[in-house]
Structure formats: C-alpha cells, structure tokens
C-alpha cells in the first residue's frame, strides 16, 4: 500500500532528497498541534478543549492552528485529506467498465491501512466517542468529507444526470455505513484482527443483505 505520508522523495536519478528546513518546521508545527490536541482531549475531554487551549499547549498562535487544520474536528483525522487524495488516485486506476461500487470499495482500502497503523489514536478516538454526554468528536467532519469524496467519484465516472446524482447519494451512504461499521467493530473487538478482514466480513454481510432486499 502506498505510504501517502512519506517524508523522503526521490530525484529522477533515484537519489533520496530529504525535506528542507521549511518543510521540517511545518511538519514539526503540525505534529506539535496534533500532539497538544490529543493530550488535552485525554485530560479534559473533547468538548471542553478549545482551539485557543490547543494553540497555547502547542506554543503557537491560534492563527497558526488554522494553517494546518480547518476545524477542531479535523485534528481527529489529521491525515484524512491526504488519504482522500490517495483514494482518488486508486479510483482512477480502476477499469472504467468496473461497477462503480466495486471501484469505490477497492479504492477505500487505503483508509484501512492508515487507521490500522494509528491504532492507539484510533482507540483514543473511540474512547472519547463513548464518553457519556460527549458528542462524538470529529465524526461529522469525517462522514461529511467521506460522503463528498464518494459522490464526486461516482459523478466523475457516470456523469451528472439525475440518475447518476441519485446513485452518487446512495453510494455515499453505503460506503460511509460500511467504513463506519467496520471501523467501530474493529475497535470494539480490541483491534486484534486485521481491519481489512473485518471490512471484508462487513462487505460480505452487506452483499447478503442487499441480495435479500432484491428478492423481496
């Protein structure tokens, strides 16, 4: 699976090129903000933590926060935009004649590798979601961007007709439900099994349910 967060690139000659000072400072600032946010979420809760609190803990100005994250919710999924671009890249490699839902499922496999690699933070995220009285943090941002990206890919493949727009909305719901269910079941089971395998089981169950609906 492609590492979309690689910090070393290559010149045409194949020699490694290390990031410059400016990029290293940007990476350091982003990581400091992310770490500060997670520390505060763990200490005092997501709802009680403000962007100003995060900026102060990270020793940056609040405006610096917005250079890296559009909202507080976005800190919950810090590499999500890069991952969505990786999903798009995978989708564009799929055969144009392939059913669009198959192309989507295969392309979104990029997410499982990332979430599995960040298992400890994923567990923290889930723990915060389960706290009594807490609004599930970051989930609306995650689901909205996921639905938008899915719909864009469907419309790109099938055009912008009324039927294609309806198909895009349905595909967005199906993909979001599958990813959300697999992710939650994986965490609740202690992340012992491969997230990919959990996702495949959920995908099979969804296929069975859809098959049953067709027979009704």
N, C-alpha and C. Protein backbone atom coordinates (compact mmCIF):
# COMPACT_ATOMS: atom_id res chain seq x y z
N UNK A 1 0.85 -1.20 0.00
CA UNK A 1 0.00 0.00 0.00
C UNK A 1 0.88 1.24 0.00
N UNK A 2 0.53 2.22 -0.76
CA UNK A 2 1.31 3.43 -0.86
C UNK A 2 1.36 4.17 0.46
N UNK A 3 2.53 4.65 0.86
CA UNK A 3 2.66 5.48 2.05
C UNK A 3 2.46 6.93 1.63
N UNK A 4 1.27 7.48 1.91
CA UNK A 4 0.96 8.82 1.44
C UNK A 4 1.58 9.89 2.30
N UNK A 5 2.23 9.50 3.40
CA UNK A 5 2.83 10.48 4.29
C UNK A 5 4.35 10.39 4.28
N UNK A 6 4.91 9.83 3.22
CA UNK A 6 6.35 9.68 3.16
C UNK A 6 7.02 11.04 3.22
N UNK A 7 8.13 11.12 3.95
CA UNK A 7 8.83 12.40 4.10
C UNK A 7 10.05 12.49 3.22
N UNK A 8 10.37 11.42 2.47
CA UNK A 8 11.53 11.45 1.59
C UNK A 8 11.06 11.15 0.18
N UNK A 9 11.46 11.97 -0.75
CA UNK A 9 11.13 11.77 -2.16
C UNK A 9 12.42 11.47 -2.91
N UNK A 10 12.30 11.25 -4.20
CA UNK A 10 13.49 10.94 -4.99
C UNK A 10 13.58 11.84 -6.19
N UNK A 11 14.82 12.19 -6.57
CA UNK A 11 15.08 12.90 -7.81
C UNK A 11 15.01 11.89 -8.94
N UNK A 12 14.95 12.38 -10.22
CA UNK A 12 14.93 11.45 -11.34
C UNK A 12 16.09 10.46 -11.32
N UNK A 13 17.25 10.87 -10.71
CA UNK A 13 18.40 9.98 -10.67
C UNK A 13 18.21 8.84 -9.68
N UNK A 14 17.20 8.98 -8.81
CA UNK A 14 16.97 7.95 -7.81
C UNK A 14 17.58 8.28 -6.47
N UNK A 15 18.35 9.38 -6.37
CA UNK A 15 18.98 9.75 -5.09
C UNK A 15 17.92 10.32 -4.16
N UNK A 16 17.94 9.94 -2.88
CA UNK A 16 16.93 10.45 -1.94
C UNK A 16 17.11 11.93 -1.69
N UNK A 17 16.01 12.63 -1.55
CA UNK A 17 16.02 14.06 -1.26
C UNK A 17 15.32 14.27 0.07
N UNK A 18 16.04 14.76 1.08
CA UNK A 18 15.44 14.98 2.38
C UNK A 18 14.73 16.32 2.39
N UNK A 19 13.63 16.44 3.13
CA UNK A 19 12.89 17.69 3.13
C UNK A 19 13.73 18.83 3.67
N UNK A 20 13.51 20.04 3.15
CA UNK A 20 14.25 21.21 3.56
C UNK A 20 13.83 21.69 4.94
N UNK A 21 14.53 22.71 5.42
CA UNK A 21 14.27 23.25 6.75
C UNK A 21 12.83 23.74 6.88
N UNK A 22 12.33 24.43 5.86
CA UNK A 22 10.97 24.96 5.94
C UNK A 22 9.95 23.83 6.08
N UNK A 23 10.11 22.78 5.29
CA UNK A 23 9.16 21.66 5.38
C UNK A 23 9.26 20.96 6.72
N UNK A 24 10.49 20.82 7.24
CA UNK A 24 10.66 20.19 8.55
C UNK A 24 9.99 21.01 9.64
N UNK A 25 10.09 22.33 9.54
CA UNK A 25 9.44 23.19 10.53
C UNK A 25 7.92 23.08 10.43
N UNK A 26 7.41 23.00 9.19
CA UNK A 26 5.97 22.83 9.02
C UNK A 26 5.50 21.51 9.60
N UNK A 27 6.24 20.45 9.32
CA UNK A 27 5.88 19.14 9.85
C UNK A 27 5.93 19.14 11.38
N UNK A 28 6.95 19.82 11.93
CA UNK A 28 7.10 19.88 13.37
C UNK A 28 5.94 20.64 14.02
N UNK A 29 5.55 21.77 13.39
CA UNK A 29 4.44 22.56 13.93
C UNK A 29 3.13 21.79 13.87
N UNK A 30 2.91 21.11 12.77
CA UNK A 30 1.68 20.32 12.63
C UNK A 30 1.62 19.22 13.69
N UNK A 31 2.75 18.53 13.88
CA UNK A 31 2.78 17.46 14.86
C UNK A 31 2.61 18.00 16.27
N UNK A 32 3.20 19.17 16.56
CA UNK A 32 3.05 19.77 17.89
C UNK A 32 1.60 20.10 18.18
N UNK A 33 0.89 20.63 17.19
CA UNK A 33 -0.52 20.97 17.35
C UNK A 33 -1.34 19.70 17.55
N UNK A 34 -1.06 18.69 16.74
CA UNK A 34 -1.79 17.43 16.85
C UNK A 34 -1.57 16.78 18.22
N UNK A 35 -0.30 16.72 18.67
CA UNK A 35 0.00 16.11 19.96
C UNK A 35 -0.64 16.89 21.11
N UNK A 36 -0.59 18.23 21.02
CA UNK A 36 -1.19 19.06 22.07
C UNK A 36 -2.69 18.81 22.15
N UNK A 37 -3.33 18.71 21.00
CA UNK A 37 -4.78 18.49 20.96
C UNK A 37 -5.14 17.16 21.62
N UNK A 38 -4.41 16.09 21.27
CA UNK A 38 -4.73 14.77 21.83
C UNK A 38 -4.46 14.71 23.33
N UNK A 39 -3.41 15.40 23.78
CA UNK A 39 -3.15 15.46 25.22
C UNK A 39 -4.32 16.11 25.95
N UNK A 40 -4.80 17.23 25.42
CA UNK A 40 -5.90 17.97 26.05
C UNK A 40 -7.21 17.19 25.97
N UNK A 41 -7.45 16.52 24.85
CA UNK A 41 -8.67 15.72 24.73
C UNK A 41 -8.68 14.64 25.82
N UNK A 42 -7.50 14.03 26.05
CA UNK A 42 -7.41 12.97 27.06
C UNK A 42 -7.55 13.53 28.48
N UNK A 43 -7.02 14.73 28.72
CA UNK A 43 -7.02 15.32 30.05
C UNK A 43 -8.38 15.89 30.46
N UNK A 44 -8.99 16.63 29.53
CA UNK A 44 -10.18 17.38 29.92
C UNK A 44 -11.40 17.13 29.05
N UNK A 45 -11.27 16.29 28.02
CA UNK A 45 -12.40 16.00 27.15
C UNK A 45 -12.39 16.84 25.89
N UNK A 46 -13.00 16.29 24.86
CA UNK A 46 -13.01 16.97 23.56
C UNK A 46 -13.81 18.26 23.61
N UNK A 47 -15.03 18.20 24.13
CA UNK A 47 -15.91 19.36 24.12
C UNK A 47 -15.32 20.51 24.93
N UNK A 48 -14.61 20.18 26.01
CA UNK A 48 -14.08 21.21 26.89
C UNK A 48 -12.80 21.84 26.37
N UNK A 49 -12.24 21.29 25.33
CA UNK A 49 -10.99 21.79 24.77
C UNK A 49 -11.27 22.76 23.63
N UNK A 50 -10.71 23.95 23.72
CA UNK A 50 -10.89 24.96 22.67
C UNK A 50 -9.66 25.02 21.78
N UNK A 51 -9.81 25.65 20.64
CA UNK A 51 -8.67 25.85 19.74
C UNK A 51 -7.61 26.70 20.42
N UNK A 52 -8.04 27.70 21.20
CA UNK A 52 -7.08 28.51 21.94
C UNK A 52 -6.28 27.65 22.93
N UNK A 53 -6.96 26.70 23.59
CA UNK A 53 -6.27 25.79 24.51
C UNK A 53 -5.19 25.00 23.78
N UNK A 54 -5.55 24.49 22.61
CA UNK A 54 -4.62 23.68 21.82
C UNK A 54 -3.42 24.52 21.39
N UNK A 55 -3.70 25.74 20.91
CA UNK A 55 -2.62 26.62 20.45
C UNK A 55 -1.67 26.95 21.60
N UNK A 56 -2.24 27.23 22.78
CA UNK A 56 -1.41 27.56 23.94
C UNK A 56 -0.53 26.38 24.34
N UNK A 57 -1.11 25.17 24.36
CA UNK A 57 -0.33 23.98 24.73
C UNK A 57 0.78 23.72 23.69
N UNK A 58 0.48 23.97 22.42
CA UNK A 58 1.46 23.73 21.36
C UNK A 58 2.45 24.88 21.21
N UNK A 59 2.22 25.97 21.97
CA UNK A 59 3.08 27.16 21.92
C UNK A 59 3.09 27.79 20.53
N UNK A 60 1.89 27.92 19.96
CA UNK A 60 1.72 28.61 18.68
C UNK A 60 0.55 29.57 18.79
N UNK A 61 0.45 30.49 17.84
CA UNK A 61 -0.68 31.41 17.82
C UNK A 61 -1.91 30.67 17.28
N UNK A 62 -3.13 31.07 17.70
CA UNK A 62 -4.34 30.41 17.18
C UNK A 62 -4.41 30.43 15.66
N UNK A 63 -3.93 31.51 15.04
CA UNK A 63 -3.99 31.57 13.57
C UNK A 63 -3.11 30.49 12.94
N UNK A 64 -2.05 30.09 13.68
CA UNK A 64 -1.19 29.02 13.16
C UNK A 64 -1.94 27.70 13.11
N UNK A 65 -2.83 27.49 14.09
CA UNK A 65 -3.65 26.28 14.09
C UNK A 65 -4.38 26.14 12.76
N UNK A 66 -4.98 27.25 12.28
CA UNK A 66 -5.80 27.19 11.07
C UNK A 66 -4.97 27.04 9.79
N UNK A 67 -3.68 27.20 9.88
CA UNK A 67 -2.84 26.92 8.71
C UNK A 67 -2.80 25.42 8.41
N UNK A 68 -3.03 24.63 9.46
CA UNK A 68 -2.89 23.18 9.33
C UNK A 68 -4.22 22.43 9.43
N UNK A 69 -5.18 22.99 10.16
CA UNK A 69 -6.45 22.30 10.37
C UNK A 69 -7.60 23.29 10.21
N UNK A 70 -8.59 22.97 9.35
CA UNK A 70 -9.70 23.91 9.14
C UNK A 70 -10.63 24.02 10.34
N UNK A 71 -10.73 22.96 11.15
CA UNK A 71 -11.62 22.94 12.31
C UNK A 71 -10.99 22.11 13.41
N UNK A 72 -11.53 22.20 14.61
CA UNK A 72 -11.06 21.33 15.70
C UNK A 72 -11.34 19.88 15.36
N UNK A 73 -12.47 19.61 14.70
CA UNK A 73 -12.81 18.24 14.34
C UNK A 73 -11.75 17.61 13.44
N UNK A 74 -11.13 18.44 12.59
CA UNK A 74 -10.16 17.91 11.64
C UNK A 74 -8.93 17.33 12.33
N UNK A 75 -8.64 17.77 13.58
CA UNK A 75 -7.49 17.24 14.30
C UNK A 75 -7.70 15.76 14.63
N UNK A 76 -8.96 15.34 14.69
CA UNK A 76 -9.24 13.94 14.99
C UNK A 76 -8.78 13.01 13.86
N UNK A 77 -8.70 13.54 12.65
CA UNK A 77 -8.29 12.75 11.48
C UNK A 77 -7.25 13.57 10.72
N UNK A 78 -6.03 13.75 11.28
CA UNK A 78 -5.08 14.73 10.76
C UNK A 78 -4.59 14.50 9.34
N UNK A 79 -4.52 13.26 8.90
CA UNK A 79 -4.04 13.00 7.53
C UNK A 79 -5.19 12.65 6.58
N UNK A 80 -6.41 12.98 6.97
CA UNK A 80 -7.55 12.50 6.21
C UNK A 80 -7.61 13.06 4.79
N UNK A 81 -7.28 14.34 4.62
CA UNK A 81 -7.33 14.92 3.27
C UNK A 81 -6.31 14.26 2.35
N UNK A 82 -5.12 13.98 2.89
CA UNK A 82 -4.11 13.28 2.09
C UNK A 82 -4.58 11.87 1.74
N UNK A 83 -5.26 11.23 2.69
CA UNK A 83 -5.77 9.88 2.43
C UNK A 83 -6.87 9.90 1.37
N UNK A 84 -7.72 10.93 1.41
CA UNK A 84 -8.76 11.03 0.38
C UNK A 84 -8.15 11.19 -1.00
N UNK A 85 -7.05 11.92 -1.09
CA UNK A 85 -6.39 12.05 -2.39
C UNK A 85 -5.83 10.72 -2.84
N UNK A 86 -5.31 9.93 -1.89
CA UNK A 86 -4.82 8.59 -2.23
C UNK A 86 -5.97 7.71 -2.72
N UNK A 87 -7.16 7.86 -2.11
CA UNK A 87 -8.35 7.12 -2.55
C UNK A 87 -8.69 7.50 -3.98
N UNK A 88 -8.67 8.80 -4.27
CA UNK A 88 -8.96 9.26 -5.64
C UNK A 88 -7.97 8.65 -6.63
N UNK A 89 -6.69 8.66 -6.26
CA UNK A 89 -5.67 8.10 -7.15
C UNK A 89 -5.94 6.62 -7.43
N UNK A 90 -6.31 5.87 -6.38
CA UNK A 90 -6.61 4.45 -6.56
C UNK A 90 -7.84 4.26 -7.45
N UNK A 91 -8.85 5.09 -7.23
CA UNK A 91 -10.08 5.00 -8.02
C UNK A 91 -9.79 5.22 -9.51
N UNK A 92 -8.92 6.17 -9.81
CA UNK A 92 -8.61 6.48 -11.21
C UNK A 92 -7.85 5.35 -11.90
N UNK A 93 -7.29 4.43 -11.11
CA UNK A 93 -6.59 3.28 -11.69
C UNK A 93 -7.55 2.13 -12.01
N UNK A 94 -8.76 2.18 -11.47
CA UNK A 94 -9.70 1.08 -11.66
C UNK A 94 -10.26 1.10 -13.09
N UNK A 95 -10.61 -0.08 -13.65
CA UNK A 95 -11.17 -0.13 -15.01
C UNK A 95 -12.48 0.66 -15.10
N UNK A 96 -12.64 1.43 -16.15
CA UNK A 96 -13.83 2.27 -16.30
C UNK A 96 -15.10 1.43 -16.40
N UNK A 97 -14.98 0.19 -16.88
CA UNK A 97 -16.17 -0.67 -17.05
C UNK A 97 -16.54 -1.40 -15.76
N UNK A 98 -15.71 -1.31 -14.73
CA UNK A 98 -15.98 -1.97 -13.46
C UNK A 98 -17.17 -1.30 -12.76
N UNK A 99 -18.04 -2.07 -12.09
CA UNK A 99 -19.13 -1.44 -11.34
C UNK A 99 -18.58 -0.40 -10.38
N UNK A 100 -19.20 0.75 -10.33
CA UNK A 100 -18.65 1.86 -9.57
C UNK A 100 -18.53 1.53 -8.09
N UNK A 101 -19.46 0.76 -7.54
CA UNK A 101 -19.40 0.44 -6.12
C UNK A 101 -18.19 -0.45 -5.82
N UNK A 102 -17.83 -1.34 -6.77
CA UNK A 102 -16.64 -2.17 -6.61
C UNK A 102 -15.38 -1.31 -6.62
N UNK A 103 -15.33 -0.37 -7.55
CA UNK A 103 -14.19 0.55 -7.62
C UNK A 103 -14.05 1.35 -6.33
N UNK A 104 -15.17 1.78 -5.77
CA UNK A 104 -15.13 2.56 -4.52
C UNK A 104 -14.61 1.71 -3.37
N UNK A 105 -15.18 0.50 -3.20
CA UNK A 105 -14.75 -0.37 -2.11
C UNK A 105 -13.26 -0.67 -2.19
N UNK A 106 -12.78 -0.98 -3.38
CA UNK A 106 -11.36 -1.31 -3.55
C UNK A 106 -10.48 -0.09 -3.28
N UNK A 107 -10.93 1.08 -3.71
CA UNK A 107 -10.13 2.30 -3.54
C UNK A 107 -10.06 2.73 -2.09
N UNK A 108 -11.14 2.54 -1.35
CA UNK A 108 -11.17 2.96 0.05
C UNK A 108 -10.38 2.03 0.97
N UNK A 109 -9.78 0.97 0.40
CA UNK A 109 -8.88 0.13 1.18
C UNK A 109 -7.70 0.93 1.72
N UNK A 110 -7.38 2.06 1.05
CA UNK A 110 -6.30 2.93 1.51
C UNK A 110 -6.53 3.36 2.95
N UNK A 111 -7.79 3.58 3.32
CA UNK A 111 -8.11 4.05 4.67
C UNK A 111 -7.81 3.00 5.72
N UNK A 112 -8.07 1.73 5.42
CA UNK A 112 -7.89 0.70 6.43
C UNK A 112 -6.45 0.60 6.86
N UNK A 113 -5.52 0.75 5.92
CA UNK A 113 -4.10 0.70 6.27
C UNK A 113 -3.70 1.82 7.19
N UNK A 114 -4.23 3.02 6.94
CA UNK A 114 -3.89 4.17 7.78
C UNK A 114 -4.48 4.03 9.18
N UNK A 115 -5.75 3.66 9.26
CA UNK A 115 -6.40 3.54 10.57
C UNK A 115 -5.77 2.44 11.40
N UNK A 116 -5.36 1.36 10.73
CA UNK A 116 -4.72 0.26 11.45
C UNK A 116 -3.35 0.68 11.96
N UNK A 117 -2.64 1.49 11.16
CA UNK A 117 -1.33 1.96 11.58
C UNK A 117 -1.39 2.94 12.73
N UNK A 118 -2.53 3.61 12.92
CA UNK A 118 -2.71 4.56 14.01
C UNK A 118 -3.65 3.98 15.06
N UNK A 119 -3.47 2.70 15.36
CA UNK A 119 -4.41 2.00 16.24
C UNK A 119 -4.57 2.67 17.60
N UNK A 120 -3.47 3.14 18.20
CA UNK A 120 -3.57 3.73 19.54
C UNK A 120 -4.41 4.98 19.52
N UNK A 121 -4.22 5.81 18.52
CA UNK A 121 -5.01 7.04 18.44
C UNK A 121 -6.45 6.73 18.04
N UNK A 122 -6.63 5.70 17.26
CA UNK A 122 -7.98 5.30 16.90
C UNK A 122 -8.73 4.84 18.14
N UNK A 123 -8.05 4.11 19.03
CA UNK A 123 -8.68 3.70 20.29
C UNK A 123 -9.04 4.91 21.14
N UNK A 124 -8.13 5.90 21.21
CA UNK A 124 -8.42 7.12 21.95
C UNK A 124 -9.66 7.81 21.39
N UNK A 125 -9.74 7.85 20.08
CA UNK A 125 -10.88 8.48 19.42
C UNK A 125 -12.17 7.77 19.79
N UNK A 126 -12.12 6.44 19.77
CA UNK A 126 -13.31 5.68 20.10
C UNK A 126 -13.69 5.84 21.57
N UNK A 127 -12.68 5.89 22.46
CA UNK A 127 -12.97 6.08 23.88
C UNK A 127 -13.68 7.41 24.11
N UNK A 128 -13.24 8.44 23.41
CA UNK A 128 -13.89 9.75 23.55
C UNK A 128 -15.31 9.72 23.02
N UNK A 129 -15.52 8.96 21.96
CA UNK A 129 -16.86 8.88 21.39
C UNK A 129 -17.84 8.23 22.36
N UNK A 130 -17.32 7.34 23.22
CA UNK A 130 -18.19 6.59 24.12
C UNK A 130 -18.44 7.28 25.45
N UNK A 131 -17.79 8.41 25.70
CA UNK A 131 -17.97 9.08 26.99
C UNK A 131 -19.39 9.61 27.12
N UNK A 132 -20.05 9.37 28.25
CA UNK A 132 -21.42 9.86 28.45
C UNK A 132 -21.48 11.38 28.31
N UNK A 133 -22.48 11.83 27.58
CA UNK A 133 -22.69 13.26 27.43
C UNK A 133 -21.82 13.94 26.41
N UNK A 134 -20.89 13.18 25.82
CA UNK A 134 -20.00 13.77 24.82
C UNK A 134 -20.57 13.56 23.42
N UNK A 135 -20.60 14.62 22.65
CA UNK A 135 -20.94 14.48 21.23
C UNK A 135 -19.78 13.77 20.55
N UNK A 136 -20.04 12.74 19.75
CA UNK A 136 -18.93 12.03 19.10
C UNK A 136 -18.02 12.98 18.33
N UNK A 137 -16.79 13.20 18.78
CA UNK A 137 -15.93 14.22 18.19
C UNK A 137 -15.40 13.85 16.83
N UNK A 138 -15.46 14.77 15.92
CA UNK A 138 -14.87 14.60 14.61
C UNK A 138 -15.64 13.75 13.64
N UNK A 139 -16.67 13.04 14.11
CA UNK A 139 -17.35 12.11 13.23
C UNK A 139 -18.10 12.81 12.11
N UNK A 140 -18.67 13.97 12.41
CA UNK A 140 -19.41 14.69 11.37
C UNK A 140 -18.47 15.15 10.27
N UNK A 141 -17.31 15.64 10.65
CA UNK A 141 -16.30 16.06 9.66
C UNK A 141 -15.89 14.86 8.81
N UNK A 142 -15.59 13.75 9.46
CA UNK A 142 -15.15 12.54 8.77
C UNK A 142 -16.22 12.07 7.78
N UNK A 143 -17.46 11.96 8.26
CA UNK A 143 -18.53 11.44 7.42
C UNK A 143 -18.87 12.38 6.28
N UNK A 144 -18.85 13.68 6.56
CA UNK A 144 -19.17 14.65 5.50
C UNK A 144 -18.15 14.60 4.39
N UNK A 145 -16.87 14.61 4.74
CA UNK A 145 -15.82 14.58 3.71
C UNK A 145 -15.83 13.24 2.96
N UNK A 146 -16.10 12.17 3.68
CA UNK A 146 -16.17 10.85 3.05
C UNK A 146 -17.30 10.81 2.03
N UNK A 147 -18.47 11.32 2.41
CA UNK A 147 -19.63 11.33 1.51
C UNK A 147 -19.37 12.21 0.30
N UNK A 148 -18.77 13.37 0.53
CA UNK A 148 -18.47 14.29 -0.58
C UNK A 148 -17.51 13.65 -1.58
N UNK A 149 -16.46 13.03 -1.07
CA UNK A 149 -15.47 12.41 -1.95
C UNK A 149 -16.08 11.25 -2.74
N UNK A 150 -16.92 10.45 -2.07
CA UNK A 150 -17.56 9.32 -2.75
C UNK A 150 -18.47 9.81 -3.87
N UNK A 151 -19.29 10.81 -3.58
CA UNK A 151 -20.21 11.34 -4.58
C UNK A 151 -19.45 11.92 -5.77
N UNK A 152 -18.36 12.63 -5.49
CA UNK A 152 -17.56 13.21 -6.57
C UNK A 152 -17.03 12.14 -7.52
N UNK A 153 -16.57 11.05 -6.96
CA UNK A 153 -16.01 9.98 -7.79
C UNK A 153 -17.09 9.31 -8.63
N UNK A 154 -18.27 9.10 -8.05
CA UNK A 154 -19.36 8.49 -8.81
C UNK A 154 -19.77 9.40 -9.97
N UNK A 155 -19.92 10.68 -9.70
CA UNK A 155 -20.34 11.61 -10.75
C UNK A 155 -19.25 11.76 -11.82
N UNK A 156 -18.01 11.69 -11.41
CA UNK A 156 -16.91 11.75 -12.36
C UNK A 156 -16.98 10.57 -13.32
N UNK A 157 -17.32 9.39 -12.80
CA UNK A 157 -17.38 8.17 -13.61
C UNK A 157 -18.65 8.14 -14.47
N UNK A 158 -19.80 8.57 -13.92
CA UNK A 158 -21.08 8.31 -14.56
C UNK A 158 -21.80 9.56 -15.08
N UNK A 159 -21.17 10.73 -14.96
CA UNK A 159 -21.82 11.94 -15.46
C UNK A 159 -22.69 12.60 -14.42
N UNK A 160 -23.43 13.62 -14.81
CA UNK A 160 -24.20 14.42 -13.85
C UNK A 160 -25.70 14.38 -14.13
N UNK A 161 -26.17 13.23 -14.60
CA UNK A 161 -27.61 13.08 -14.85
C UNK A 161 -28.34 12.93 -13.53
N UNK A 162 -29.66 13.00 -13.56
CA UNK A 162 -30.46 12.84 -12.35
C UNK A 162 -30.24 11.45 -11.75
N UNK A 163 -30.18 10.43 -12.60
CA UNK A 163 -29.96 9.07 -12.12
C UNK A 163 -28.58 8.93 -11.50
N UNK A 164 -27.56 9.56 -12.13
CA UNK A 164 -26.20 9.48 -11.59
C UNK A 164 -26.11 10.18 -10.24
N UNK A 165 -26.82 11.30 -10.08
CA UNK A 165 -26.81 12.00 -8.80
C UNK A 165 -27.47 11.16 -7.70
N UNK A 166 -28.54 10.46 -8.05
CA UNK A 166 -29.18 9.57 -7.08
C UNK A 166 -28.23 8.42 -6.73
N UNK A 167 -27.57 7.87 -7.74
CA UNK A 167 -26.63 6.78 -7.50
C UNK A 167 -25.48 7.25 -6.61
N UNK A 168 -25.04 8.50 -6.83
CA UNK A 168 -23.94 9.05 -6.03
C UNK A 168 -24.34 9.17 -4.56
N UNK A 169 -25.58 9.59 -4.31
CA UNK A 169 -26.04 9.72 -2.92
C UNK A 169 -26.16 8.35 -2.26
N UNK A 170 -26.66 7.38 -2.99
CA UNK A 170 -26.78 6.03 -2.44
C UNK A 170 -25.40 5.42 -2.17
N UNK A 171 -24.49 5.61 -3.11
CA UNK A 171 -23.14 5.07 -2.94
C UNK A 171 -22.45 5.71 -1.74
N UNK A 172 -22.66 7.01 -1.54
CA UNK A 172 -22.07 7.71 -0.39
C UNK A 172 -22.56 7.09 0.91
N UNK A 173 -23.86 6.82 0.97
CA UNK A 173 -24.42 6.22 2.18
C UNK A 173 -23.89 4.82 2.43
N UNK A 174 -23.81 4.02 1.37
CA UNK A 174 -23.35 2.63 1.51
C UNK A 174 -21.89 2.59 1.95
N UNK A 175 -21.04 3.38 1.29
CA UNK A 175 -19.62 3.39 1.63
C UNK A 175 -19.40 3.89 3.05
N UNK A 176 -20.09 4.97 3.42
CA UNK A 176 -19.94 5.52 4.78
C UNK A 176 -20.37 4.51 5.83
N UNK A 177 -21.50 3.83 5.57
CA UNK A 177 -22.00 2.83 6.52
C UNK A 177 -21.02 1.68 6.67
N UNK A 178 -20.48 1.20 5.56
CA UNK A 178 -19.55 0.09 5.61
C UNK A 178 -18.29 0.45 6.38
N UNK A 179 -17.70 1.59 6.06
CA UNK A 179 -16.46 2.01 6.72
C UNK A 179 -16.70 2.27 8.19
N UNK A 180 -17.79 2.94 8.51
CA UNK A 180 -18.12 3.27 9.90
C UNK A 180 -18.32 1.99 10.72
N UNK A 181 -19.08 1.05 10.17
CA UNK A 181 -19.37 -0.20 10.88
C UNK A 181 -18.11 -1.03 11.09
N UNK A 182 -17.32 -1.18 10.03
CA UNK A 182 -16.10 -1.98 10.13
C UNK A 182 -15.14 -1.36 11.15
N UNK A 183 -14.99 -0.06 11.09
CA UNK A 183 -14.08 0.66 11.98
C UNK A 183 -14.51 0.49 13.43
N UNK A 184 -15.80 0.68 13.71
CA UNK A 184 -16.30 0.58 15.08
C UNK A 184 -16.19 -0.86 15.62
N UNK A 185 -16.56 -1.84 14.79
CA UNK A 185 -16.47 -3.24 15.22
C UNK A 185 -15.02 -3.64 15.48
N UNK A 186 -14.12 -3.15 14.67
CA UNK A 186 -12.69 -3.46 14.83
C UNK A 186 -12.17 -2.94 16.17
N UNK A 187 -12.52 -1.69 16.50
CA UNK A 187 -12.07 -1.09 17.76
C UNK A 187 -12.71 -1.79 18.95
N UNK A 188 -14.03 -2.03 18.86
CA UNK A 188 -14.74 -2.66 19.99
C UNK A 188 -14.24 -4.06 20.28
N UNK A 189 -13.69 -4.73 19.27
CA UNK A 189 -13.12 -6.08 19.46
C UNK A 189 -11.66 -6.03 19.88
N UNK A 190 -11.15 -4.82 20.16
CA UNK A 190 -9.78 -4.69 20.63
C UNK A 190 -8.74 -4.59 19.55
N UNK A 191 -9.16 -4.37 18.30
CA UNK A 191 -8.24 -4.22 17.16
C UNK A 191 -7.29 -5.43 17.04
N UNK A 192 -7.77 -6.60 17.46
CA UNK A 192 -6.92 -7.80 17.39
C UNK A 192 -6.85 -8.36 15.98
N UNK A 193 -7.93 -8.24 15.25
CA UNK A 193 -7.99 -8.76 13.88
C UNK A 193 -7.60 -7.66 12.90
N UNK A 194 -7.17 -8.05 11.73
CA UNK A 194 -6.86 -7.08 10.69
C UNK A 194 -8.11 -6.28 10.35
N UNK A 195 -7.97 -4.96 10.27
CA UNK A 195 -9.10 -4.12 9.88
C UNK A 195 -9.59 -4.48 8.48
N UNK A 196 -8.67 -4.85 7.62
CA UNK A 196 -9.06 -5.28 6.27
C UNK A 196 -10.00 -6.48 6.34
N UNK A 197 -9.68 -7.47 7.20
CA UNK A 197 -10.51 -8.67 7.31
C UNK A 197 -11.89 -8.33 7.89
N UNK A 198 -11.93 -7.44 8.87
CA UNK A 198 -13.22 -7.02 9.42
C UNK A 198 -14.04 -6.34 8.33
N UNK A 199 -13.38 -5.48 7.56
CA UNK A 199 -14.08 -4.80 6.48
C UNK A 199 -14.62 -5.76 5.44
N UNK A 200 -13.83 -6.80 5.13
CA UNK A 200 -14.29 -7.79 4.16
C UNK A 200 -15.52 -8.55 4.67
N UNK A 201 -15.54 -8.87 5.97
CA UNK A 201 -16.71 -9.54 6.54
C UNK A 201 -17.94 -8.64 6.47
N UNK A 202 -17.75 -7.37 6.80
CA UNK A 202 -18.87 -6.42 6.73
C UNK A 202 -19.37 -6.28 5.29
N UNK A 203 -18.42 -6.26 4.37
CA UNK A 203 -18.78 -6.14 2.95
C UNK A 203 -19.59 -7.35 2.49
N UNK A 204 -19.19 -8.56 2.94
CA UNK A 204 -19.94 -9.76 2.59
C UNK A 204 -21.34 -9.74 3.17
N UNK A 205 -21.46 -9.31 4.43
CA UNK A 205 -22.78 -9.23 5.06
C UNK A 205 -23.67 -8.22 4.35
N UNK A 206 -23.05 -7.09 3.95
CA UNK A 206 -23.83 -6.08 3.23
C UNK A 206 -24.34 -6.65 1.91
N UNK A 207 -23.49 -7.43 1.22
CA UNK A 207 -23.90 -8.04 -0.03
C UNK A 207 -25.06 -9.00 0.18
N UNK A 208 -25.00 -9.76 1.28
CA UNK A 208 -26.10 -10.68 1.59
C UNK A 208 -27.40 -9.93 1.84
N UNK A 209 -27.30 -8.83 2.59
CA UNK A 209 -28.49 -8.05 2.91
C UNK A 209 -29.10 -7.43 1.65
N UNK A 210 -28.23 -6.91 0.78
CA UNK A 210 -28.74 -6.32 -0.46
C UNK A 210 -29.37 -7.39 -1.34
N UNK A 211 -28.75 -8.59 -1.36
CA UNK A 211 -29.31 -9.69 -2.13
C UNK A 211 -30.70 -10.07 -1.62
N UNK A 212 -30.86 -10.06 -0.29
CA UNK A 212 -32.17 -10.37 0.30
C UNK A 212 -33.19 -9.32 -0.09
N UNK A 213 -32.78 -8.05 -0.08
CA UNK A 213 -33.70 -6.97 -0.47
C UNK A 213 -34.18 -7.16 -1.90
N UNK A 214 -33.31 -7.61 -2.77
CA UNK A 214 -33.70 -7.79 -4.17
C UNK A 214 -34.74 -8.88 -4.33
N UNK A 215 -34.70 -9.86 -3.41
CA UNK A 215 -35.63 -10.99 -3.52
C UNK A 215 -37.00 -10.69 -2.90
N UNK A 216 -37.10 -9.58 -2.17
CA UNK A 216 -38.36 -9.27 -1.53
C UNK A 216 -39.44 -8.87 -2.54
